[in-house]
Amino acid sequence: MKYLSLLTLILILAFGSCKSKFQKALKSTDSKKKIEVAEYFFKKKDFYRAQTLFDQIENEVANTPIAEKILFYQAECDFGLKMYGLAGYRYKIYYETYPTNANAEEALYRNAYCIFLESQDAELDQTDTYKAVETFKIFVSVYPESKYVEECNKYLDKLRNKLSQKAFNNAKLYYNIGAYKSAIVSLRNVVNDFPEIAQREEIDFLILKSNYLLAENSIPEKQVERFQETIGAFEEFTEYYTESSKYMSSAKQIKEKAVLALNKINKQK
């Protein structure tokens, strides 16, 4: 019990000391003192207090040798506070302003990583995803031997997966609403842009099925050509997938329906 009371007292005194240290620095007109105290809080991962002090002297140190150091600290504090949009912006400014300095590589990598963290789920807007992809690619081209290259490639894979899911969702929407011609084009584009996509088999089957449904719902003058395209899509499907495919039975049924439809049309001529 005495031990707990003593520990509590120590923590209260320590907190009071930190608060006093911060308040004194906040009111001080000595820039060196502010930097010293800001670095103290930064090392303690008290990013809010550190950032408050760094922000106070930002204008004072502008265009001086210390400005570079302060800008990097500010970016690091933003990152520590999980303000990734602002952190990424400051890292970008740092790299563009000091491209040959020791922290330039770190800044460019962190800029890309912050954009990666801001990237939204596949169902939402992917502006930041595309931006992150480009920034990681720039980093790898500028620093091909960097220790971060492996991580960049890992994040690029995640970003491409997100973009592929977005593209697939958009293409499948055309299928779901019955816009089969647009679905075929969009689904083929997904395969061309993301050949490694996890839903590749489902996409190829949907292309086949969309061809059949497009033919079935077409005017008579276009049905022959489109049923033939359906059979061609089936042949493409069987080039890639064996009898073990979960879609093979349905694919065969679609092909049989297309053949029957063509035979019926030919008999009516």
Protein backbone atom coordinates (compact mmCIF):
# COMPACT_ATOMS: atom_id res chain seq x y z
CA MET A 1 0.00 0.00 0.00
CA LYS A 2 2.83 2.36 0.91
CA TYR A 3 4.54 1.39 -2.34
CA LEU A 4 1.45 2.28 -4.39
CA SER A 5 1.09 5.61 -2.62
CA LEU A 6 4.73 6.43 -3.29
CA LEU A 7 4.41 5.47 -6.95
CA THR A 8 1.30 7.63 -7.30
CA LEU A 9 3.12 10.56 -5.73
CA ILE A 10 6.07 10.13 -8.09
CA LEU A 11 3.74 10.05 -11.12
CA ILE A 12 1.92 13.19 -9.95
CA LEU A 13 5.20 15.02 -9.43
CA ALA A 14 6.51 13.87 -12.81
CA PHE A 15 3.34 15.01 -14.57
CA GLY A 16 3.47 18.33 -12.77
CA SER A 17 7.11 18.76 -13.72
CA CYS A 18 6.36 18.02 -17.41
CA LYS A 19 3.43 20.41 -17.38
CA SER A 20 5.55 23.13 -15.79
CA LYS A 21 8.36 22.48 -18.29
CA PHE A 22 5.93 22.75 -21.19
CA GLN A 23 4.22 25.91 -19.93
CA LYS A 24 7.53 27.68 -19.35
CA ALA A 25 8.75 26.78 -22.85
CA LEU A 26 5.43 27.85 -24.33
CA LYS A 27 5.80 31.34 -22.85
CA SER A 28 9.53 31.61 -23.52
CA THR A 29 10.94 33.86 -26.25
CA ASP A 30 14.11 31.78 -26.45
CA SER A 31 13.92 29.66 -29.63
CA LYS A 32 16.78 27.41 -28.57
CA LYS A 33 15.00 26.67 -25.31
CA LYS A 34 11.76 25.85 -27.14
CA ILE A 35 13.60 23.45 -29.45
CA GLU A 36 15.33 21.79 -26.52
CA VAL A 37 12.04 21.26 -24.67
CA ALA A 38 10.23 20.19 -27.87
CA GLU A 39 12.89 17.55 -28.50
CA TYR A 40 12.53 16.42 -24.88
CA PHE A 41 8.80 15.80 -25.37
CA PHE A 42 9.39 14.27 -28.80
CA LYS A 43 11.73 11.66 -27.30
CA LYS A 44 9.03 10.88 -24.74
CA LYS A 45 6.56 10.42 -27.63
CA ASP A 46 4.48 13.30 -26.30
CA PHE A 47 3.88 14.43 -29.87
CA TYR A 48 1.13 16.90 -29.05
CA ARG A 49 3.33 19.06 -26.78
CA ALA A 50 6.35 18.64 -29.03
CA GLN A 51 4.34 19.69 -32.09
CA THR A 52 2.86 22.69 -30.28
CA LEU A 53 6.34 24.00 -29.56
CA PHE A 54 7.72 23.21 -33.00
CA ASP A 55 4.78 25.02 -34.60
CA GLN A 56 5.47 28.06 -32.42
CA ILE A 57 8.97 28.54 -33.78
CA GLU A 58 8.28 27.49 -37.38
CA ASN A 59 8.19 31.08 -38.69
CA GLU A 60 11.10 32.18 -36.54
CA VAL A 61 13.49 29.60 -37.98
CA ALA A 62 12.30 29.89 -41.59
CA ASN A 63 15.18 30.23 -44.07
CA THR A 64 17.73 29.28 -41.40
CA PRO A 65 19.81 26.09 -41.17
CA ILE A 66 17.59 24.79 -38.35
CA ALA A 67 14.42 24.98 -40.51
CA GLU A 68 15.14 21.60 -42.12
CA LYS A 69 15.36 19.90 -38.73
CA ILE A 70 12.15 21.50 -37.46
CA LEU A 71 10.19 20.55 -40.60
CA PHE A 72 11.18 16.91 -40.25
CA TYR A 73 10.26 16.95 -36.56
CA GLN A 74 6.86 18.43 -37.44
CA ALA A 75 6.21 15.68 -39.98
CA GLU A 76 7.24 13.05 -37.43
CA CYS A 77 4.92 14.55 -34.81
CA ASP A 78 2.01 14.56 -37.27
CA PHE A 79 2.75 10.92 -38.03
CA GLY A 80 2.91 10.10 -34.31
CA LEU A 81 -0.47 11.80 -33.84
CA LYS A 82 -1.86 9.73 -36.77
CA MET A 83 -2.55 12.87 -38.79
CA TYR A 84 -1.38 11.08 -41.93
CA GLY A 85 -2.67 13.58 -44.47
CA LEU A 86 -0.73 16.46 -42.90
CA ALA A 87 2.28 14.25 -42.17
CA GLY A 88 2.44 13.11 -45.80
CA TYR A 89 2.24 16.70 -46.99
CA ARG A 90 5.10 17.77 -44.70
CA TYR A 91 7.25 14.79 -45.68
CA LYS A 92 6.67 15.72 -49.33
CA ILE A 93 7.64 19.35 -48.72
CA TYR A 94 10.73 18.17 -46.85
CA TYR A 95 11.86 15.91 -49.70
CA GLU A 96 11.24 18.54 -52.35
CA THR A 97 13.04 21.22 -50.32
CA TYR A 98 15.95 19.11 -49.07
CA PRO A 99 16.38 16.26 -51.62
CA THR A 100 20.05 15.71 -50.80
CA ASN A 101 19.79 15.78 -47.00
CA ALA A 102 20.20 12.72 -44.81
CA ASN A 103 16.47 12.40 -44.08
CA ALA A 104 15.33 12.81 -47.70
CA GLU A 105 15.01 9.07 -48.32
CA GLU A 106 13.03 8.58 -45.12
CA ALA A 107 10.80 11.54 -45.97
CA LEU A 108 9.93 10.28 -49.46
CA TYR A 109 9.18 6.80 -48.13
CA ARG A 110 7.04 8.19 -45.30
CA ASN A 111 5.19 10.39 -47.78
CA ALA A 112 4.17 7.32 -49.78
CA TYR A 113 3.35 5.36 -46.63
CA CYS A 114 1.12 8.15 -45.30
CA ILE A 115 -0.81 8.20 -48.57
CA PHE A 116 -1.10 4.41 -48.32
CA LEU A 117 -2.61 4.78 -44.84
CA GLU A 118 -5.11 7.33 -46.18
CA SER A 119 -6.19 4.99 -49.00
CA GLN A 120 -9.82 3.97 -48.57
CA ASP A 121 -11.54 0.59 -48.85
CA ALA A 122 -12.21 -0.81 -52.32
CA GLU A 123 -15.87 0.21 -52.17
CA LEU A 124 -14.92 3.90 -51.80
CA ASP A 125 -12.99 6.51 -53.80
CA GLN A 126 -9.53 5.28 -54.85
CA THR A 127 -7.82 8.61 -55.55
CA ASP A 128 -5.35 8.11 -52.69
CA THR A 129 -4.74 4.52 -53.77
CA TYR A 130 -3.60 5.61 -57.24
CA LYS A 131 -1.56 8.40 -55.65
CA ALA A 132 0.13 5.95 -53.26
CA VAL A 133 0.97 3.58 -56.12
CA GLU A 134 2.67 6.39 -58.05
CA THR A 135 4.56 7.66 -54.99
CA PHE A 136 5.87 4.20 -54.07
CA LYS A 137 6.99 3.73 -57.69
CA ILE A 138 8.80 7.06 -57.59
CA PHE A 139 10.52 6.06 -54.36
CA VAL A 140 11.72 2.73 -55.81
CA SER A 141 13.03 4.46 -58.93
CA VAL A 142 14.88 7.11 -56.89
CA TYR A 143 16.20 4.70 -54.24
CA PRO A 144 16.40 1.25 -55.93
CA GLU A 145 18.85 -0.03 -53.29
CA SER A 146 16.90 1.27 -50.29
CA LYS A 147 16.11 -0.94 -47.32
CA TYR A 148 12.47 0.08 -47.87
CA VAL A 149 12.14 -1.38 -51.39
CA GLU A 150 10.82 -4.71 -50.13
CA GLU A 151 8.20 -2.95 -48.02
CA CYS A 152 7.26 -0.73 -50.96
CA ASN A 153 6.63 -3.78 -53.13
CA LYS A 154 4.51 -5.32 -50.37
CA TYR A 155 2.38 -2.18 -50.12
CA LEU A 156 2.16 -1.93 -53.91
CA ASP A 157 0.70 -5.45 -54.01
CA LYS A 158 -1.92 -4.45 -51.43
CA LEU A 159 -2.78 -1.31 -53.36
CA ARG A 160 -3.07 -3.17 -56.67
CA ASN A 161 -5.30 -5.73 -54.99
CA LYS A 162 -7.55 -2.92 -53.77
CA LEU A 163 -7.70 -1.39 -57.26
CA SER A 164 -8.47 -4.77 -58.80
CA GLN A 165 -11.33 -5.27 -56.35
CA LYS A 166 -12.71 -1.83 -57.20
CA ALA A 167 -12.51 -2.58 -60.93
CA PHE A 168 -14.15 -5.98 -60.43
CA ASN A 169 -16.97 -4.49 -58.33
CA ASN A 170 -17.64 -1.87 -61.01
CA ALA A 171 -17.63 -4.45 -63.80
CA LYS A 172 -19.88 -6.82 -61.88
CA LEU A 173 -22.33 -3.98 -61.30
CA TYR A 174 -22.90 -3.81 -65.05
CA TYR A 175 -23.66 -7.52 -65.02
CA ASN A 176 -26.03 -7.20 -62.05
CA ILE A 177 -28.07 -4.44 -63.69
CA GLY A 178 -28.30 -6.31 -66.99
CA ALA A 179 -25.96 -4.09 -69.00
CA TYR A 180 -24.28 -7.15 -70.50
CA LYS A 181 -22.42 -5.47 -73.34
CA SER A 182 -20.76 -3.06 -70.90
CA ALA A 183 -20.17 -5.94 -68.49
CA ILE A 184 -18.23 -7.92 -71.13
CA VAL A 185 -16.00 -4.94 -71.96
CA SER A 186 -15.40 -4.05 -68.30
CA LEU A 187 -14.74 -7.63 -67.20
CA ARG A 188 -12.21 -8.12 -70.00
CA ASN A 189 -10.51 -4.87 -68.99
CA VAL A 190 -10.22 -6.13 -65.41
CA VAL A 191 -8.45 -9.28 -66.64
CA ASN A 192 -6.14 -7.26 -68.89
CA ASP A 193 -5.26 -4.77 -66.15
CA PHE A 194 -5.09 -7.26 -63.27
CA PRO A 195 -4.33 -10.75 -64.65
CA GLU A 196 -3.40 -11.93 -61.14
CA ILE A 197 -6.80 -11.01 -59.62
CA ALA A 198 -8.18 -13.60 -57.19
CA GLN A 199 -11.59 -13.70 -58.92
CA ARG A 200 -10.15 -14.49 -62.36
CA GLU A 201 -12.16 -17.71 -62.76
CA GLU A 202 -15.42 -16.01 -61.75
CA ILE A 203 -14.69 -13.14 -64.16
CA ASP A 204 -14.09 -15.50 -67.09
CA PHE A 205 -17.35 -17.30 -66.32
CA LEU A 206 -19.26 -13.99 -66.07
CA ILE A 207 -17.87 -13.00 -69.48
CA LEU A 208 -19.27 -16.24 -70.90
CA LYS A 209 -22.62 -15.81 -69.18
CA SER A 210 -22.87 -12.13 -70.17
CA ASN A 211 -22.30 -13.11 -73.81
CA TYR A 212 -25.17 -15.59 -73.63
CA LEU A 213 -27.57 -13.20 -71.86
CA LEU A 214 -26.67 -10.43 -74.31
CA ALA A 215 -27.45 -12.76 -77.22
CA GLU A 216 -30.68 -13.97 -75.63
CA ASN A 217 -31.91 -10.40 -75.15
CA SER A 218 -30.79 -9.11 -78.55
CA ILE A 219 -32.90 -8.32 -81.57
CA PRO A 220 -33.14 -11.26 -84.04
CA GLU A 221 -30.73 -9.66 -86.52
CA LYS A 222 -27.90 -9.79 -83.94
CA GLN A 223 -28.62 -13.08 -82.22
CA VAL A 224 -26.71 -15.39 -84.57
CA GLU A 225 -23.50 -13.44 -84.21
CA ARG A 226 -23.87 -13.13 -80.45
CA PHE A 227 -24.70 -16.78 -79.83
CA GLN A 228 -21.60 -17.64 -81.88
CA GLU A 229 -19.60 -15.28 -79.66
CA THR A 230 -21.04 -17.12 -76.66
CA ILE A 231 -19.72 -20.42 -78.00
CA GLY A 232 -16.36 -18.74 -78.62
CA ALA A 233 -16.35 -17.49 -75.01
CA PHE A 234 -17.04 -21.04 -73.83
CA GLU A 235 -14.07 -22.33 -75.83
CA GLU A 236 -11.89 -19.64 -74.25
CA PHE A 237 -13.12 -20.69 -70.82
CA THR A 238 -12.26 -24.37 -71.40
CA GLU A 239 -8.75 -23.40 -72.51
CA TYR A 240 -8.02 -22.14 -69.00
CA TYR A 241 -10.15 -24.36 -66.77
CA THR A 242 -10.63 -28.11 -66.39
CA GLU A 243 -13.58 -30.25 -65.29
CA SER A 244 -12.67 -29.46 -61.68
CA SER A 245 -13.81 -25.86 -62.09
CA LYS A 246 -16.88 -25.06 -59.99
CA TYR A 247 -18.27 -23.17 -62.99
CA MET A 248 -17.71 -25.89 -65.61
CA SER A 249 -21.14 -27.51 -65.31
CA SER A 250 -22.90 -24.14 -65.70
CA ALA A 251 -20.56 -23.18 -68.54
CA LYS A 252 -21.48 -26.33 -70.45
CA GLN A 253 -25.18 -25.66 -69.96
CA ILE A 254 -24.74 -22.15 -71.36
CA LYS A 255 -22.90 -23.51 -74.39
CA GLU A 256 -25.64 -26.11 -75.00
CA LYS A 257 -28.32 -23.41 -74.80
CA ALA A 258 -26.38 -21.26 -77.29
CA VAL A 259 -26.09 -24.20 -79.73
CA LEU A 260 -29.81 -24.99 -79.40
CA ALA A 261 -30.69 -21.33 -79.98
CA LEU A 262 -28.55 -21.23 -83.13
CA ASN A 263 -30.11 -24.46 -84.44
CA LYS A 264 -33.57 -23.07 -83.83
CA ILE A 265 -32.74 -19.83 -85.68
CA ASN A 266 -31.25 -21.76 -88.63
CA LYS A 267 -34.37 -23.94 -88.92
CA GLN A 268 -36.56 -20.85 -89.09
CA LYS A 269 -34.66 -19.46 -92.07
